[in-house]
Amino acid sequence: MSDVIVIGAGVVGAACAYYAAAAGLDVTVLDRGPVAGGTTGAGEGNVLVSDKEPGPELDLALLSNRLWRELAEHGGFEYEPKGGALVVAETGEVQRQLVELAGKQGVEHTVVPDTELHGYEPHLADGLAGGVFYPQDAQVQPMLAAARLLRHGADSFGHGALRLRTGVTVTGFVRSGERVTGVRTDHGDILADAVVNAAGTWGGQVAALAGVELPILPRRGFILVTEPLREPLIRHKVYTAAYVTNVASDSADLETSAVVEGTPAGSVLIGASRERVGFDRTTSIPVLRRLAAQATALFPVLRNRRVIRSYCGFRPYCPDHLPVIGPDPRAPGLLHACGHEGAGIGLAPATGHLLAQLLSGERTALDLAPFSPGRFA
């Protein structure tokens, strides 16, 4: 019997397990697939504050940003500050809106006039109206980060403090009266004092097994990957203001915006698209063409570079654009850590840290009320 069962071995589940083990709890992590086999394995690794509106999610992002930097001190995974991210505007009006948002966010930033853009990114297209630079933004290699958190949690916090079991499918919940006291799996029942639903895009399906509803839906996105470049052409994460708008959109239709960044391996990652089409993984050539066109409009130097592959993933979309973090009042003993949409990698450490505080009976560093599963009751 464990103190805590974590369902899901993506980066959010890994962070929950890591911080719970660090708090002295005995943790078992279950996943029907491999580590980072879902949304985490299809992410760019964004650690962003720049795309967050002022409010609870930005507070969560700032806490997580600090925790990622602390975790990076242990090493073992690719953490790349890149000096920050550059958000660019195509018109003067959009630039005004970017500057206004940055002022409201209250985070560290620099307003970049059009005449200084090439000082940040020499290969940017001409004719842009300006931008805002966010030095706190960074990037991690998400699959490696999830694996290292699980390994470090298993190795560093005492024998048996963290166990990982992959290839185990949760099929239901064990209860004692109304309280959740474990999970039913295709490998038998596993008992625990508490269960954390960190199943990402499938978090709603896991919640339904406990008889509660979480309105989490898949929001598909594609990424293009170029051949490794001989010399770095792109210094920071660079995206257009439309990305911020798309993140906050409720539309189920296709939305795309230019997001371009290099990697330590030399390849360039190109996104981003969003559409709600269920769990359809069919590659959409028109979407890939649109992403390529937007990227080369932003960085004409990429026009003669080859794309070697593309991939897609499903963001866990929540209608109010806030993750679900905390105990479910409808099912005592069940906690949720899902619904982060495209921000799960960036918000993972804060999510895990807060849940570990909650499970340990400590006062949480942030108020979890805005993220409460009870808002859907």
Protein backbone atom coordinates (compact mmCIF):
# COMPACT_ATOMS: atom_id res chain seq x y z
CA MET A 1 0.00 0.00 0.00
CA SER A 2 1.30 3.44 -0.96
CA ASP A 3 0.61 6.83 0.51
CA VAL A 4 -0.14 8.13 -2.99
CA ILE A 5 -0.90 6.63 -6.39
CA VAL A 6 -0.22 8.92 -9.36
CA ILE A 7 -2.02 8.00 -12.58
CA GLY A 8 0.08 9.20 -15.50
CA ALA A 9 3.84 9.22 -16.16
CA GLY A 10 3.93 12.40 -18.20
CA VAL A 11 5.78 15.45 -16.92
CA VAL A 12 2.92 16.57 -14.63
CA GLY A 13 2.59 13.11 -13.08
CA ALA A 14 6.37 12.88 -12.77
CA ALA A 15 6.49 16.24 -10.97
CA CYS A 16 3.68 15.20 -8.61
CA ALA A 17 5.53 11.98 -7.80
CA TYR A 18 8.90 13.72 -7.39
CA TYR A 19 7.68 16.34 -4.95
CA ALA A 20 5.51 13.87 -3.03
CA ALA A 21 8.52 11.57 -2.60
CA ALA A 22 10.63 14.56 -1.56
CA ALA A 23 8.01 15.28 1.11
CA GLY A 24 8.53 11.80 2.55
CA LEU A 25 5.52 10.09 0.99
CA ASP A 26 5.54 6.62 -0.52
CA VAL A 27 4.48 6.97 -4.17
CA THR A 28 3.45 4.56 -6.92
CA VAL A 29 3.21 5.92 -10.48
CA LEU A 30 1.04 4.02 -12.98
CA ASP A 31 0.80 4.45 -16.73
CA ARG A 32 -0.72 2.28 -19.42
CA GLY A 33 2.10 3.30 -21.76
CA PRO A 34 5.73 4.37 -21.40
CA VAL A 35 7.06 7.41 -19.57
CA ALA A 36 6.09 10.58 -21.48
CA GLY A 37 4.14 8.51 -23.98
CA GLY A 38 1.25 10.99 -24.28
CA THR A 39 1.11 14.76 -24.57
CA THR A 40 4.51 15.25 -22.89
CA GLY A 41 6.22 13.36 -25.70
CA ALA A 42 4.62 15.63 -28.29
CA GLY A 43 5.44 18.98 -26.67
CA GLU A 44 8.01 21.64 -27.45
CA GLY A 45 9.04 21.98 -23.81
CA ASN A 46 7.76 25.51 -23.23
CA VAL A 47 8.41 27.15 -19.86
CA LEU A 48 6.57 30.43 -20.43
CA VAL A 49 5.28 33.38 -18.49
CA SER A 50 4.94 35.56 -21.58
CA ASP A 51 1.71 34.01 -22.87
CA LYS A 52 -0.22 34.16 -19.58
CA GLU A 53 -2.90 36.70 -18.73
CA PRO A 54 -2.59 38.29 -15.29
CA GLY A 55 -4.22 36.06 -12.69
CA PRO A 56 -3.96 32.59 -11.16
CA GLU A 57 -2.28 30.87 -14.12
CA LEU A 58 0.43 33.53 -14.33
CA ASP A 59 1.06 33.11 -10.59
CA LEU A 60 1.37 29.37 -11.17
CA ALA A 61 3.73 29.96 -14.09
CA LEU A 62 6.00 32.24 -12.07
CA LEU A 63 6.27 29.67 -9.28
CA SER A 64 6.94 26.93 -11.80
CA ASN A 65 9.55 29.02 -13.60
CA ARG A 66 11.53 29.30 -10.38
CA LEU A 67 11.16 25.60 -9.61
CA TRP A 68 12.36 24.58 -13.10
CA ARG A 69 15.51 26.61 -12.53
CA GLU A 70 16.06 24.86 -9.20
CA LEU A 71 15.49 21.43 -10.76
CA ALA A 72 17.93 22.26 -13.56
CA GLU A 73 20.70 22.65 -10.99
CA HIS A 74 20.56 18.87 -10.47
CA GLY A 75 21.24 18.45 -14.19
CA GLY A 76 20.40 15.38 -16.22
CA PHE A 77 17.99 16.99 -18.67
CA GLU A 78 18.13 19.75 -21.25
CA TYR A 79 17.13 23.06 -19.68
CA GLU A 80 17.76 25.98 -21.99
CA PRO A 81 17.04 29.53 -20.78
CA LYS A 82 17.86 30.88 -24.27
CA GLY A 83 17.98 34.30 -22.66
CA GLY A 84 14.18 34.37 -22.87
CA ALA A 85 11.47 34.63 -25.53
CA LEU A 86 10.66 37.32 -28.07
CA VAL A 87 7.02 38.04 -28.92
CA VAL A 88 6.73 40.04 -32.15
CA ALA A 89 3.99 42.26 -33.55
CA GLU A 90 3.14 42.66 -37.21
CA THR A 91 1.33 46.00 -36.83
CA GLY A 92 1.59 49.05 -34.63
CA GLU A 93 -1.78 48.34 -33.02
CA VAL A 94 -0.73 44.80 -32.10
CA GLN A 95 2.50 46.16 -30.66
CA ARG A 96 0.51 48.54 -28.50
CA GLN A 97 -1.57 45.61 -27.23
CA LEU A 98 1.56 43.56 -26.48
CA VAL A 99 3.07 46.40 -24.47
CA GLU A 100 -0.19 46.90 -22.59
CA LEU A 101 -0.38 43.18 -21.72
CA ALA A 102 3.23 43.14 -20.54
CA GLY A 103 2.50 46.08 -18.25
CA LYS A 104 -0.48 44.28 -16.73
CA GLN A 105 1.45 41.05 -16.24
CA GLY A 106 3.96 42.80 -14.04
CA VAL A 107 6.78 40.40 -14.97
CA GLU A 108 10.28 41.22 -16.16
CA HIS A 109 10.20 42.36 -19.79
CA THR A 110 11.76 44.72 -22.31
CA VAL A 111 9.80 46.59 -24.96
CA VAL A 112 11.65 46.17 -28.27
CA PRO A 113 11.08 48.81 -30.99
CA ASP A 114 11.17 47.74 -34.62
CA THR A 115 14.66 49.21 -35.05
CA GLU A 116 16.08 46.88 -32.39
CA LEU A 117 14.47 43.58 -33.39
CA HIS A 118 17.44 42.44 -35.45
CA GLY A 119 19.69 42.92 -32.45
CA TYR A 120 17.75 40.09 -30.81
CA GLU A 121 17.19 38.00 -33.93
CA PRO A 122 19.37 38.93 -36.94
CA HIS A 123 17.41 36.72 -39.36
CA LEU A 124 13.95 38.07 -38.57
CA ALA A 125 11.92 39.34 -41.51
CA ASP A 126 11.83 43.06 -42.17
CA GLY A 127 8.69 45.11 -41.64
CA LEU A 128 7.68 43.96 -38.17
CA ALA A 129 6.35 46.67 -35.85
CA GLY A 130 8.28 45.66 -32.74
CA GLY A 131 8.00 43.19 -29.91
CA VAL A 132 8.37 42.42 -26.23
CA PHE A 133 11.22 40.36 -24.80
CA TYR A 134 10.64 38.13 -21.75
CA PRO A 135 13.95 37.02 -20.18
CA GLN A 136 12.33 34.47 -17.81
CA ASP A 137 10.99 32.22 -20.56
CA ALA A 138 12.89 28.99 -21.18
CA GLN A 139 12.65 25.52 -22.69
CA VAL A 140 13.18 21.97 -21.45
CA GLN A 141 13.41 18.64 -23.23
CA PRO A 142 10.10 17.33 -21.84
CA MET A 143 10.54 13.57 -22.26
CA LEU A 144 13.97 13.60 -20.65
CA ALA A 145 12.74 15.90 -17.88
CA ALA A 146 9.87 13.55 -17.00
CA ALA A 147 12.17 10.54 -16.97
CA ARG A 148 14.78 12.31 -14.82
CA LEU A 149 12.21 13.49 -12.28
CA LEU A 150 10.99 9.93 -11.84
CA ARG A 151 14.51 8.52 -11.65
CA HIS A 152 15.71 11.20 -9.27
CA GLY A 153 12.65 10.75 -7.07
CA ALA A 154 13.26 6.99 -6.93
CA ASP A 155 16.99 7.31 -6.22
CA SER A 156 17.18 10.28 -3.88
CA PHE A 157 14.40 10.08 -1.33
CA GLY A 158 14.83 6.69 0.28
CA HIS A 159 14.37 3.09 -0.77
CA GLY A 160 10.88 2.39 -2.12
CA ALA A 161 9.79 6.02 -1.93
CA LEU A 162 8.85 6.11 -5.61
CA ARG A 163 7.91 3.12 -7.76
CA LEU A 164 7.07 3.29 -11.45
CA ARG A 165 4.83 0.71 -13.12
CA THR A 166 4.25 1.11 -16.85
CA GLY A 167 1.95 -1.04 -18.96
CA VAL A 168 -0.70 -0.89 -16.22
CA THR A 169 -4.16 0.37 -17.18
CA VAL A 170 -6.45 1.86 -14.54
CA THR A 171 -9.96 0.46 -15.00
CA GLY A 172 -11.73 1.83 -11.93
CA PHE A 173 -11.39 2.95 -8.34
CA VAL A 174 -11.46 1.14 -5.01
CA ARG A 175 -13.64 2.79 -2.37
CA SER A 176 -14.28 2.52 1.32
CA GLY A 177 -17.70 4.06 1.63
CA GLU A 178 -17.52 7.28 -0.38
CA ARG A 179 -13.75 7.62 -0.07
CA VAL A 180 -11.35 6.58 -2.85
CA THR A 181 -8.80 4.19 -1.35
CA GLY A 182 -7.03 2.91 -4.44
CA VAL A 183 -7.41 1.90 -8.07
CA ARG A 184 -8.51 -1.15 -9.99
CA THR A 185 -6.18 -2.10 -12.83
CA ASP A 186 -5.75 -4.85 -15.39
CA HIS A 187 -3.02 -6.14 -13.03
CA GLY A 188 -5.20 -6.15 -9.91
CA ASP A 189 -6.17 -3.65 -7.21
CA ILE A 190 -3.61 -1.24 -5.76
CA LEU A 191 -4.42 0.57 -2.52
CA ALA A 192 -3.34 4.01 -1.30
CA ASP A 193 -4.38 6.80 1.02
CA ALA A 194 -4.84 9.14 -1.96
CA VAL A 195 -4.96 8.95 -5.76
CA VAL A 196 -3.78 11.72 -8.10
CA ASN A 197 -5.28 11.90 -11.58
CA ALA A 198 -2.43 13.21 -13.74
CA ALA A 199 -3.64 11.58 -16.95
CA GLY A 200 -3.37 14.72 -19.07
CA THR A 201 -5.68 14.73 -22.07
CA TRP A 202 -7.26 11.54 -20.74
CA GLY A 203 -7.89 13.10 -17.32
CA GLY A 204 -11.61 13.41 -18.02
CA GLN A 205 -11.85 9.72 -18.84
CA VAL A 206 -10.04 8.76 -15.63
CA ALA A 207 -12.31 11.08 -13.61
CA ALA A 208 -15.35 9.41 -15.17
CA LEU A 209 -14.19 6.07 -13.74
CA ALA A 210 -14.73 7.67 -10.32
CA GLY A 211 -18.16 8.96 -11.33
CA VAL A 212 -17.14 12.62 -11.62
CA GLU A 213 -17.05 14.88 -14.63
CA LEU A 214 -14.08 16.96 -15.80
CA PRO A 215 -14.72 18.72 -19.12
CA ILE A 216 -11.25 18.03 -20.53
CA LEU A 217 -11.09 17.65 -24.31
CA PRO A 218 -8.21 16.94 -26.73
CA ARG A 219 -6.94 19.91 -28.73
CA ARG A 220 -4.67 18.67 -31.51
CA GLY A 221 -1.48 20.42 -32.49
CA PHE A 222 1.25 19.76 -35.07
CA ILE A 223 4.96 20.55 -34.97
CA LEU A 224 7.46 20.56 -37.83
CA VAL A 225 11.11 19.63 -37.24
CA THR A 226 13.86 20.78 -39.59
CA GLU A 227 17.14 19.09 -40.39
CA PRO A 228 19.92 19.99 -37.93
CA LEU A 229 21.46 23.30 -38.95
CA ARG A 230 25.22 23.77 -39.09
CA GLU A 231 25.01 27.06 -37.22
CA PRO A 232 22.28 28.40 -34.92
CA LEU A 233 20.04 30.80 -36.84
CA ILE A 234 17.47 31.49 -34.13
CA ARG A 235 18.66 32.64 -30.72
CA HIS A 236 15.44 32.66 -28.71
CA LYS A 237 11.94 31.28 -28.76
CA VAL A 238 10.15 33.62 -31.17
CA TYR A 239 6.43 33.79 -31.70
CA THR A 240 3.85 36.19 -33.06
CA ALA A 241 1.19 37.91 -30.97
CA ALA A 242 -1.44 35.65 -32.56
CA TYR A 243 -0.12 32.79 -30.42
CA VAL A 244 -1.30 34.54 -27.25
CA THR A 245 -4.74 35.01 -28.79
CA ASN A 246 -4.95 31.37 -29.90
CA VAL A 247 -4.01 30.07 -26.46
CA ALA A 248 -6.98 31.92 -24.95
CA SER A 249 -9.41 31.01 -27.73
CA ASP A 250 -12.46 28.78 -27.18
CA SER A 251 -12.84 27.94 -30.87
CA ALA A 252 -12.87 24.31 -31.95
CA ASP A 253 -11.77 25.31 -35.45
CA LEU A 254 -8.22 25.33 -36.75
CA GLU A 255 -6.05 28.19 -35.51
CA THR A 256 -2.37 28.63 -36.29
CA SER A 257 0.35 31.08 -35.34
CA ALA A 258 4.08 31.22 -35.96
CA VAL A 259 6.22 29.77 -33.16
CA VAL A 260 9.87 29.14 -34.04
CA GLU A 261 12.81 28.03 -31.89
CA GLY A 262 16.07 26.17 -32.15
CA THR A 263 17.19 23.16 -30.12
CA PRO A 264 20.58 22.09 -28.71
CA ALA A 265 20.69 19.38 -31.40
CA GLY A 266 20.52 22.01 -34.14
CA SER A 267 17.01 21.33 -35.43
CA VAL A 268 14.37 24.06 -35.50
CA LEU A 269 10.91 23.39 -34.08
CA ILE A 270 8.00 25.07 -35.88
CA GLY A 271 4.45 25.40 -34.53
CA ALA A 272 1.80 26.03 -33.51
CA SER A 273 -1.63 24.77 -34.50
CA ARG A 274 -4.76 24.17 -32.44
CA GLU A 275 -8.00 22.39 -33.34
CA ARG A 276 -10.51 20.18 -31.57
CA VAL A 277 -10.97 17.07 -33.70
CA GLY A 278 -11.15 14.42 -30.99
CA PHE A 279 -8.25 11.98 -30.87
CA ASP A 280 -7.73 11.97 -34.64
CA ARG A 281 -3.99 11.62 -35.34
CA THR A 282 -4.30 11.89 -39.12
CA THR A 283 -1.54 14.11 -40.49
CA SER A 284 -3.01 17.22 -42.10
CA ILE A 285 -0.84 18.40 -44.98
CA PRO A 286 -2.71 21.76 -45.26
CA VAL A 287 -1.92 22.48 -41.60
CA LEU A 288 1.75 21.61 -42.10
CA ARG A 289 1.90 23.86 -45.15
CA ARG A 290 0.38 26.72 -43.19
CA LEU A 291 2.89 26.28 -40.37
CA ALA A 292 5.78 26.23 -42.84
CA ALA A 293 4.49 29.35 -44.60
CA GLN A 294 4.12 31.25 -41.33
CA ALA A 295 7.59 30.23 -40.16
CA THR A 296 9.30 31.27 -43.38
CA ALA A 297 7.40 34.57 -43.40
CA LEU A 298 8.85 35.25 -39.96
CA PHE A 299 12.31 33.84 -40.77
CA PRO A 300 12.92 33.90 -44.55
CA VAL A 301 16.28 32.19 -43.96
CA LEU A 302 14.38 28.94 -43.30
CA ARG A 303 12.98 28.76 -46.84
CA ASN A 304 15.87 26.64 -48.08
CA ARG A 305 16.00 24.33 -45.06
CA ARG A 306 14.54 20.83 -45.15
CA VAL A 307 11.80 19.56 -42.86
CA ILE A 308 12.67 16.01 -41.78
CA ARG A 309 9.54 15.11 -39.84
CA SER A 310 6.35 16.27 -38.22
CA TYR A 311 4.42 15.05 -35.23
CA CYS A 312 1.20 15.81 -33.41
CA GLY A 313 -0.09 15.71 -29.87
CA PHE A 314 -3.25 16.49 -27.92
CA ARG A 315 -3.40 19.34 -25.45
CA PRO A 316 -5.78 18.76 -22.50
CA TYR A 317 -8.18 21.65 -23.13
CA CYS A 318 -10.36 23.00 -20.31
CA PRO A 319 -13.18 25.43 -21.19
CA ASP A 320 -12.06 28.12 -18.72
CA HIS A 321 -8.37 27.71 -19.70
CA LEU A 322 -7.29 26.91 -16.15
CA PRO A 323 -5.81 23.58 -15.06
CA VAL A 324 -7.57 21.35 -12.57
CA ILE A 325 -5.45 21.04 -9.43
CA GLY A 326 -6.55 19.81 -6.03
CA PRO A 327 -8.93 17.47 -4.19
CA ASP A 328 -12.25 16.56 -5.75
CA PRO A 329 -15.08 17.23 -3.26
CA ARG A 330 -17.26 14.75 -5.14
CA ALA A 331 -14.84 11.87 -4.54
CA PRO A 332 -12.86 12.21 -1.28
CA GLY A 333 -9.36 10.77 -1.62
CA LEU A 334 -9.15 11.68 -5.33
CA LEU A 335 -7.05 14.65 -6.42
CA HIS A 336 -6.57 16.01 -9.93
CA ALA A 337 -3.55 17.45 -11.69
CA CYS A 338 -4.62 17.79 -15.32
CA GLY A 339 -6.23 20.13 -17.85
CA HIS A 340 -3.14 22.31 -18.38
CA GLU A 341 -3.70 22.48 -22.16
CA GLY A 342 -0.45 23.55 -23.86
CA ALA A 343 1.17 24.77 -20.64
CA GLY A 344 1.54 21.48 -18.81
CA ILE A 345 5.29 21.18 -19.24
CA GLY A 346 5.88 24.71 -18.00
CA LEU A 347 3.44 24.38 -15.09
CA ALA A 348 4.40 20.86 -14.02
CA PRO A 349 6.79 21.63 -11.12
CA ALA A 350 4.42 24.10 -9.47
CA THR A 351 1.54 21.64 -9.85
CA GLY A 352 3.54 18.84 -8.26
CA HIS A 353 4.90 21.07 -5.52
CA LEU A 354 1.45 22.35 -4.54
CA LEU A 355 -0.12 18.89 -4.51
CA ALA A 356 2.73 17.55 -2.39
CA GLN A 357 2.12 20.36 0.10
CA LEU A 358 -1.57 19.50 0.12
CA LEU A 359 -0.93 15.77 0.62
CA SER A 360 1.50 16.53 3.44
CA GLY A 361 -1.01 18.72 5.27
CA GLU A 362 0.99 21.88 4.69
CA ARG A 363 -0.32 25.27 3.67
CA THR A 364 0.04 25.59 -0.10
CA ALA A 365 2.29 28.26 -1.58
CA LEU A 366 -0.59 29.45 -3.80
CA ASP A 367 -4.35 29.53 -3.33
CA LEU A 368 -5.73 26.47 -5.15
CA ALA A 369 -9.33 27.72 -5.19
CA PRO A 370 -9.21 28.98 -8.81
CA PHE A 371 -8.05 25.53 -9.94
CA SER A 372 -10.47 23.51 -7.80
CA PRO A 373 -12.22 20.52 -9.42
CA GLY A 374 -15.29 21.64 -7.47
CA ARG A 375 -15.87 24.42 -10.00
CA PHE A 376 -17.33 21.79 -12.32
CA ALA A 377 -19.64 20.24 -9.72
